[in-house]
Amino acid sequence: MKLLFSLIILFQLISFIKSERGYYTFREDERKCASPECGGLFLKKINSPEDEIYVSSYMMVNANLNPTSIEDDKNIIVSGYVMPSDEGDGYNGFFLKGIHQRMIIPKLGDNVESPSKATNIITRESDSYYFLSNHSTECIDTDSCPIYKSLKINSKESTNFSTYTEPYTTSVPLLDLKWFNSRLIKEHVESIYVGSIVLGTIEANQLSITEIFINIEDPVFPCKKNTNYCSTLHIPTFSRSSDRCPIFEGCVLRKPCHLAIPSCPKGYKSYSYPSHPNGCLKYYCDPECLPNPHRVSGP
């Protein structure tokens, strides 16, 4: 029996290697009948005219993911592999590898005390889902040089473009731009991160982004513990890395600071670190779906 189970696992691993990860929206099966015929999930491949796929069950093959993360089926994109169920019942199962969650665009004036409201997203028929990266080509004529490259998800189609617009940096106060930009545009192809998914339209060499779905497995590794100490009357100050981790910037003499504490919009949570030059707290508003970078378990 153990041998059979091991062979099944080995077969699935080989299949994972040979198959390409798919990206899907999904909805729960609300039909009333016995499992496995009912009670599973309906998957819809993004950027595809294909019909929904019914899977009788799903299994998380990534230990860093929280099973409760897929409860909000209206706001997430799941990725993984559709394969025959190991129950041998003729149905498919879904091996869930990753989750991207919609990054909320707050309404003007929305804060933590406000009702849960987000800007109404107006999508266009021309919108598609993409991964973005820097273009690797070096150009002599910089005026016509493509700076970025988009990969249309679930296809091999790619498009070069030079500029983009997005609604987040003007509507989310205290957004960590170093983190945001590093996840939006993948700089290194060999990076271990699966970047953000963008929904948008490319026209006239420009990408107009409607909304962004962020990878909730971020960061992959926990922040290093701070081992820097300061003398009496001085405090350590920090900036932040693109992984949202504190970077020691030296010791400073604490000076008077503004006591008001800014609030983050609905869908975001606040982090703060003493900062240079006066040791006053610098605040950041991170998407609520992201884990505390100090508490992730790592791969």
Protein backbone atom coordinates (compact mmCIF):
# COMPACT_ATOMS: atom_id res chain seq x y z
CA MET A 1 0.00 0.00 0.00
CA LYS A 2 2.86 2.38 0.89
CA LEU A 3 4.53 1.53 -2.42
CA LEU A 4 1.34 2.33 -4.33
CA PHE A 5 0.97 5.66 -2.52
CA SER A 6 4.62 6.52 -3.25
CA LEU A 7 4.14 5.71 -6.93
CA ILE A 8 1.08 7.96 -7.09
CA ILE A 9 3.02 10.84 -5.52
CA LEU A 10 5.95 10.24 -7.91
CA PHE A 11 3.60 10.23 -10.90
CA GLN A 12 2.05 13.51 -9.76
CA LEU A 13 5.47 15.14 -9.31
CA ILE A 14 6.52 14.07 -12.81
CA SER A 15 3.26 15.43 -14.18
CA PHE A 16 3.86 18.77 -12.40
CA ILE A 17 7.28 19.07 -14.03
CA LYS A 18 5.91 18.32 -17.50
CA SER A 19 2.78 20.47 -17.25
CA GLU A 20 2.54 24.25 -17.15
CA ARG A 21 0.92 26.00 -14.24
CA GLY A 22 -2.51 27.41 -15.09
CA TYR A 23 -4.10 30.54 -13.64
CA TYR A 24 -7.81 30.56 -12.85
CA THR A 25 -10.69 32.40 -11.27
CA PHE A 26 -13.06 30.04 -9.49
CA ARG A 27 -16.42 29.62 -7.82
CA GLU A 28 -17.70 27.04 -5.39
CA ASP A 29 -20.10 24.36 -6.58
CA GLU A 30 -23.43 24.99 -4.85
CA ARG A 31 -25.30 22.07 -6.40
CA LYS A 32 -26.97 19.70 -3.95
CA CYS A 33 -25.81 16.16 -4.60
CA ALA A 34 -23.26 13.69 -3.28
CA SER A 35 -19.50 14.11 -3.60
CA PRO A 36 -17.54 13.79 -5.87
CA GLU A 37 -20.26 14.63 -8.39
CA CYS A 38 -20.98 17.87 -6.51
CA GLY A 39 -19.31 20.04 -3.89
CA GLY A 40 -16.07 20.86 -5.70
CA LEU A 41 -14.94 23.97 -7.57
CA PHE A 42 -15.53 25.41 -11.02
CA LEU A 43 -12.30 26.84 -12.47
CA LYS A 44 -12.22 29.39 -15.30
CA LYS A 45 -8.88 29.88 -17.02
CA ILE A 46 -8.10 33.60 -17.32
CA ASN A 47 -7.45 35.06 -20.79
CA SER A 48 -9.15 32.03 -22.30
CA PRO A 49 -12.48 31.37 -24.05
CA GLU A 50 -12.50 27.82 -22.68
CA ASP A 51 -15.48 26.71 -20.60
CA GLU A 52 -15.26 26.25 -16.85
CA ILE A 53 -13.60 23.10 -15.55
CA TYR A 54 -15.17 21.18 -12.67
CA VAL A 55 -12.77 19.71 -10.09
CA SER A 56 -14.15 17.50 -7.35
CA SER A 57 -11.45 18.47 -4.83
CA TYR A 58 -8.33 20.55 -4.37
CA MET A 59 -5.07 20.04 -2.52
CA MET A 60 -2.61 22.76 -1.47
CA VAL A 61 0.89 21.79 -2.56
CA ASN A 62 2.46 24.90 -1.02
CA ALA A 63 2.91 24.80 2.76
CA ASN A 64 3.16 28.60 2.94
CA LEU A 65 -0.46 29.09 1.88
CA ASN A 66 -3.31 29.43 4.35
CA PRO A 67 -6.40 27.33 3.43
CA THR A 68 -8.67 30.20 4.51
CA SER A 69 -7.08 32.40 1.84
CA ILE A 70 -9.35 31.00 -0.88
CA GLU A 71 -12.61 31.77 0.93
CA ASP A 72 -12.90 35.13 -0.87
CA ASP A 73 -13.47 33.68 -4.33
CA LYS A 74 -14.54 37.04 -5.83
CA ASN A 75 -11.15 38.64 -5.24
CA ILE A 76 -8.51 36.01 -5.93
CA ILE A 77 -6.80 34.17 -8.76
CA VAL A 78 -5.51 30.68 -8.03
CA SER A 79 -2.74 28.88 -9.88
CA GLY A 80 -1.86 25.22 -10.08
CA TYR A 81 -2.47 22.02 -11.97
CA VAL A 82 -5.69 20.24 -13.00
CA MET A 83 -5.04 16.50 -12.92
CA PRO A 84 -7.03 13.27 -12.60
CA SER A 85 -8.08 12.66 -9.02
CA ASP A 86 -6.00 10.07 -7.16
CA GLU A 87 -9.30 8.52 -6.04
CA GLY A 88 -9.72 6.94 -9.47
CA ASP A 89 -13.33 8.14 -9.66
CA GLY A 90 -13.11 9.68 -13.13
CA TYR A 91 -13.06 13.26 -11.83
CA ASN A 92 -10.30 15.85 -11.83
CA GLY A 93 -8.59 17.34 -8.80
CA PHE A 94 -6.79 20.67 -8.50
CA PHE A 95 -3.30 20.93 -7.05
CA LEU A 96 -3.16 24.52 -5.80
CA LYS A 97 0.29 26.10 -5.97
CA GLY A 98 -0.29 29.85 -5.62
CA ILE A 99 -2.81 32.57 -4.76
CA HIS A 100 -2.99 36.15 -6.00
CA GLN A 101 -5.42 38.51 -4.27
CA ARG A 102 -6.96 41.71 -5.61
CA MET A 103 -5.26 44.83 -4.25
CA ILE A 104 -8.01 47.19 -3.11
CA ILE A 105 -8.31 50.67 -4.59
CA PRO A 106 -9.71 52.75 -1.71
CA LYS A 107 -12.44 55.31 -2.10
CA LEU A 108 -11.41 58.90 -1.44
CA GLY A 109 -11.52 59.50 2.31
CA ASP A 110 -11.87 55.80 3.17
CA ASN A 111 -10.11 54.77 6.39
CA VAL A 112 -10.13 52.00 8.96
CA GLU A 113 -13.29 53.34 10.60
CA SER A 114 -15.19 53.46 7.32
CA PRO A 115 -17.41 50.67 6.00
CA SER A 116 -15.70 48.19 3.72
CA LYS A 117 -16.01 50.02 0.42
CA ALA A 118 -13.66 50.07 -2.50
CA THR A 119 -13.70 52.02 -5.73
CA ASN A 120 -15.96 50.41 -8.31
CA ILE A 121 -13.65 48.78 -10.84
CA ILE A 122 -14.63 49.48 -14.44
CA THR A 123 -13.05 46.82 -16.62
CA ARG A 124 -12.80 47.04 -20.39
CA GLU A 125 -13.42 44.36 -22.97
CA SER A 126 -9.86 44.91 -24.13
CA ASP A 127 -8.42 44.15 -20.66
CA SER A 128 -6.22 41.07 -20.28
CA TYR A 129 -4.18 39.58 -17.43
CA TYR A 130 -0.39 39.97 -17.61
CA PHE A 131 2.88 39.43 -15.83
CA LEU A 132 5.33 42.32 -16.31
CA SER A 133 9.11 42.45 -16.48
CA ASN A 134 11.89 44.76 -17.59
CA HIS A 135 12.82 44.47 -21.25
CA SER A 136 16.28 42.95 -21.62
CA THR A 137 17.18 44.64 -24.92
CA GLU A 138 19.64 47.54 -24.92
CA CYS A 139 18.71 50.25 -27.43
CA ILE A 140 20.65 52.98 -29.17
CA ASP A 141 17.56 55.03 -29.98
CA THR A 142 16.03 55.44 -26.52
CA ASP A 143 12.98 57.35 -27.80
CA SER A 144 11.53 54.24 -29.44
CA CYS A 145 13.09 51.70 -27.10
CA PRO A 146 10.69 49.34 -25.30
CA ILE A 147 11.34 49.49 -21.57
CA TYR A 148 8.94 46.81 -20.36
CA LYS A 149 7.64 43.46 -21.49
CA SER A 150 4.26 41.91 -20.78
CA LEU A 151 3.49 38.20 -20.83
CA LYS A 152 -0.16 37.37 -21.38
CA ILE A 153 -0.99 34.76 -18.75
CA ASN A 154 -1.97 31.25 -19.90
CA SER A 155 -0.48 31.99 -23.32
CA LYS A 156 2.91 32.50 -24.94
CA GLU A 157 1.95 35.95 -26.22
CA SER A 158 4.21 38.83 -25.20
CA THR A 159 4.09 42.55 -25.95
CA ASN A 160 6.66 45.29 -25.42
CA PHE A 161 5.67 48.73 -24.15
CA SER A 162 7.35 51.89 -22.90
CA THR A 163 5.06 53.44 -20.27
CA TYR A 164 2.26 52.46 -17.94
CA THR A 165 -0.36 54.00 -15.67
CA GLU A 166 -1.87 52.52 -12.50
CA PRO A 167 -4.40 53.79 -9.92
CA TYR A 168 -2.71 52.73 -6.66
CA THR A 169 0.12 55.18 -6.01
CA THR A 170 -2.29 58.12 -6.10
CA SER A 171 -5.03 56.52 -3.98
CA VAL A 172 -3.25 54.45 -1.29
CA PRO A 173 -1.56 56.70 1.31
CA LEU A 174 1.78 55.55 2.74
CA LEU A 175 2.06 52.74 0.19
CA ASP A 176 5.56 51.23 0.22
CA LEU A 177 6.64 52.13 -3.31
CA LYS A 178 9.89 50.16 -3.16
CA TRP A 179 7.93 46.97 -2.48
CA PHE A 180 5.07 47.87 -4.85
CA ASN A 181 7.29 48.60 -7.85
CA SER A 182 9.49 45.55 -7.30
CA ARG A 183 6.46 43.25 -7.40
CA LEU A 184 4.79 45.05 -10.29
CA ILE A 185 7.76 44.91 -12.67
CA LYS A 186 9.92 41.82 -12.31
CA GLU A 187 13.52 42.96 -12.68
CA HIS A 188 15.30 39.60 -12.68
CA VAL A 189 13.93 36.62 -14.57
CA GLU A 190 15.59 34.22 -12.10
CA SER A 191 13.84 35.84 -9.11
CA ILE A 192 12.10 33.35 -6.81
CA TYR A 193 9.03 35.59 -6.63
CA VAL A 194 5.96 35.13 -8.78
CA GLY A 195 5.18 38.79 -9.47
CA SER A 196 1.90 40.65 -9.39
CA ILE A 197 -0.79 39.93 -11.95
CA VAL A 198 -2.06 43.07 -13.68
CA LEU A 199 -5.36 43.50 -15.49
CA GLY A 200 -5.10 46.11 -18.21
CA THR A 201 -4.95 47.14 -21.85
CA ILE A 202 -1.91 47.87 -24.02
CA GLU A 203 -2.47 50.55 -26.67
CA ALA A 204 -0.08 52.89 -28.45
CA ASN A 205 2.95 51.55 -26.58
CA GLN A 206 1.32 52.19 -23.17
CA LEU A 207 -0.17 49.80 -20.61
CA SER A 208 -3.21 51.17 -18.80
CA ILE A 209 -3.61 49.10 -15.61
CA THR A 210 -7.15 48.66 -14.27
CA GLU A 211 -6.24 46.65 -11.16
CA ILE A 212 -3.53 44.48 -9.65
CA PHE A 213 -3.56 41.06 -7.98
CA ILE A 214 -0.64 40.51 -5.60
CA ASN A 215 1.04 37.24 -4.70
CA ILE A 216 0.15 36.57 -1.04
CA GLU A 217 3.27 34.42 -0.54
CA ASP A 218 5.38 37.50 0.06
CA PRO A 219 8.03 37.59 1.33
CA VAL A 220 9.22 34.04 0.78
CA PHE A 221 11.80 34.32 3.56
CA PRO A 222 11.32 35.97 6.99
CA CYS A 223 13.17 39.17 7.83
CA LYS A 224 16.52 38.80 9.56
CA LYS A 225 16.51 39.56 13.27
CA ASN A 226 17.84 42.96 14.25
CA THR A 227 21.13 42.62 16.16
CA ASN A 228 22.02 46.32 16.18
CA TYR A 229 22.11 48.10 19.53
CA CYS A 230 22.53 51.76 20.38
CA SER A 231 23.94 53.51 23.42
CA THR A 232 21.74 55.17 26.05
CA LEU A 233 19.62 58.07 24.73
CA HIS A 234 20.11 56.87 21.17
CA ILE A 235 17.76 54.65 19.20
CA PRO A 236 18.27 52.48 16.09
CA THR A 237 16.70 53.76 12.86
CA PHE A 238 15.61 51.80 9.82
CA SER A 239 14.63 52.06 6.19
CA ARG A 240 12.86 49.21 4.41
CA SER A 241 13.91 46.67 1.79
CA SER A 242 11.78 45.67 -1.19
CA ASP A 243 10.76 42.62 0.89
CA ARG A 244 9.25 44.98 3.51
CA CYS A 245 12.08 44.13 5.94
CA PRO A 246 13.85 46.74 8.13
CA ILE A 247 17.35 47.86 7.11
CA PHE A 248 19.48 49.33 9.91
CA GLU A 249 20.46 52.95 9.13
CA GLY A 250 22.36 53.86 12.29
CA CYS A 251 21.76 55.24 15.77
CA VAL A 252 20.35 58.71 16.36
CA LEU A 253 19.55 60.88 19.34
CA ARG A 254 15.79 60.81 19.83
CA LYS A 255 14.14 64.18 19.16
CA PRO A 256 10.55 65.44 19.48
CA CYS A 257 8.18 63.83 16.99
CA HIS A 258 4.71 64.55 15.68
CA LEU A 259 2.37 62.44 17.82
CA ALA A 260 -0.44 61.93 15.31
CA ILE A 261 -0.73 58.34 14.06
CA PRO A 262 -1.94 58.06 10.45
CA SER A 263 -4.57 55.46 9.62
CA CYS A 264 -4.57 53.13 6.64
CA PRO A 265 -7.51 52.66 4.26
CA LYS A 266 -9.79 49.64 4.48
CA GLY A 267 -7.93 46.61 3.14
CA TYR A 268 -4.53 47.81 4.40
CA LYS A 269 -2.66 47.49 7.69
CA SER A 270 -0.08 49.73 9.30
CA TYR A 271 3.60 49.00 10.01
CA SER A 272 6.09 51.48 11.45
CA TYR A 273 9.83 51.79 12.20
CA PRO A 274 11.95 54.53 13.85
CA SER A 275 13.53 56.46 11.01
CA HIS A 276 16.44 58.78 10.25
CA PRO A 277 17.23 61.57 11.18
CA ASN A 278 15.19 62.11 14.38
CA GLY A 279 14.09 58.59 15.31
CA CYS A 280 10.45 59.40 14.56
CA LEU A 281 8.21 56.58 13.38
CA LYS A 282 7.80 56.20 9.63
CA TYR A 283 4.53 54.51 8.72
CA TYR A 284 3.65 52.18 5.86
CA CYS A 285 0.29 50.88 4.65
CA ASP A 286 0.65 47.29 3.40
CA PRO A 287 -2.12 45.22 1.79
CA GLU A 288 -3.95 43.34 4.53
CA CYS A 289 -3.68 40.01 2.70
CA LEU A 290 0.13 39.98 3.02
CA PRO A 291 1.70 38.19 6.00
CA ASN A 292 3.76 39.96 8.64
CA PRO A 293 7.25 39.81 7.06
CA HIS A 294 8.79 38.92 10.44
CA ARG A 295 6.59 35.85 10.90
CA VAL A 296 6.69 33.96 7.61
CA SER A 297 8.03 30.43 7.93
CA GLY A 298 9.98 30.34 4.66
CA PRO A 299 10.00 27.63 1.98
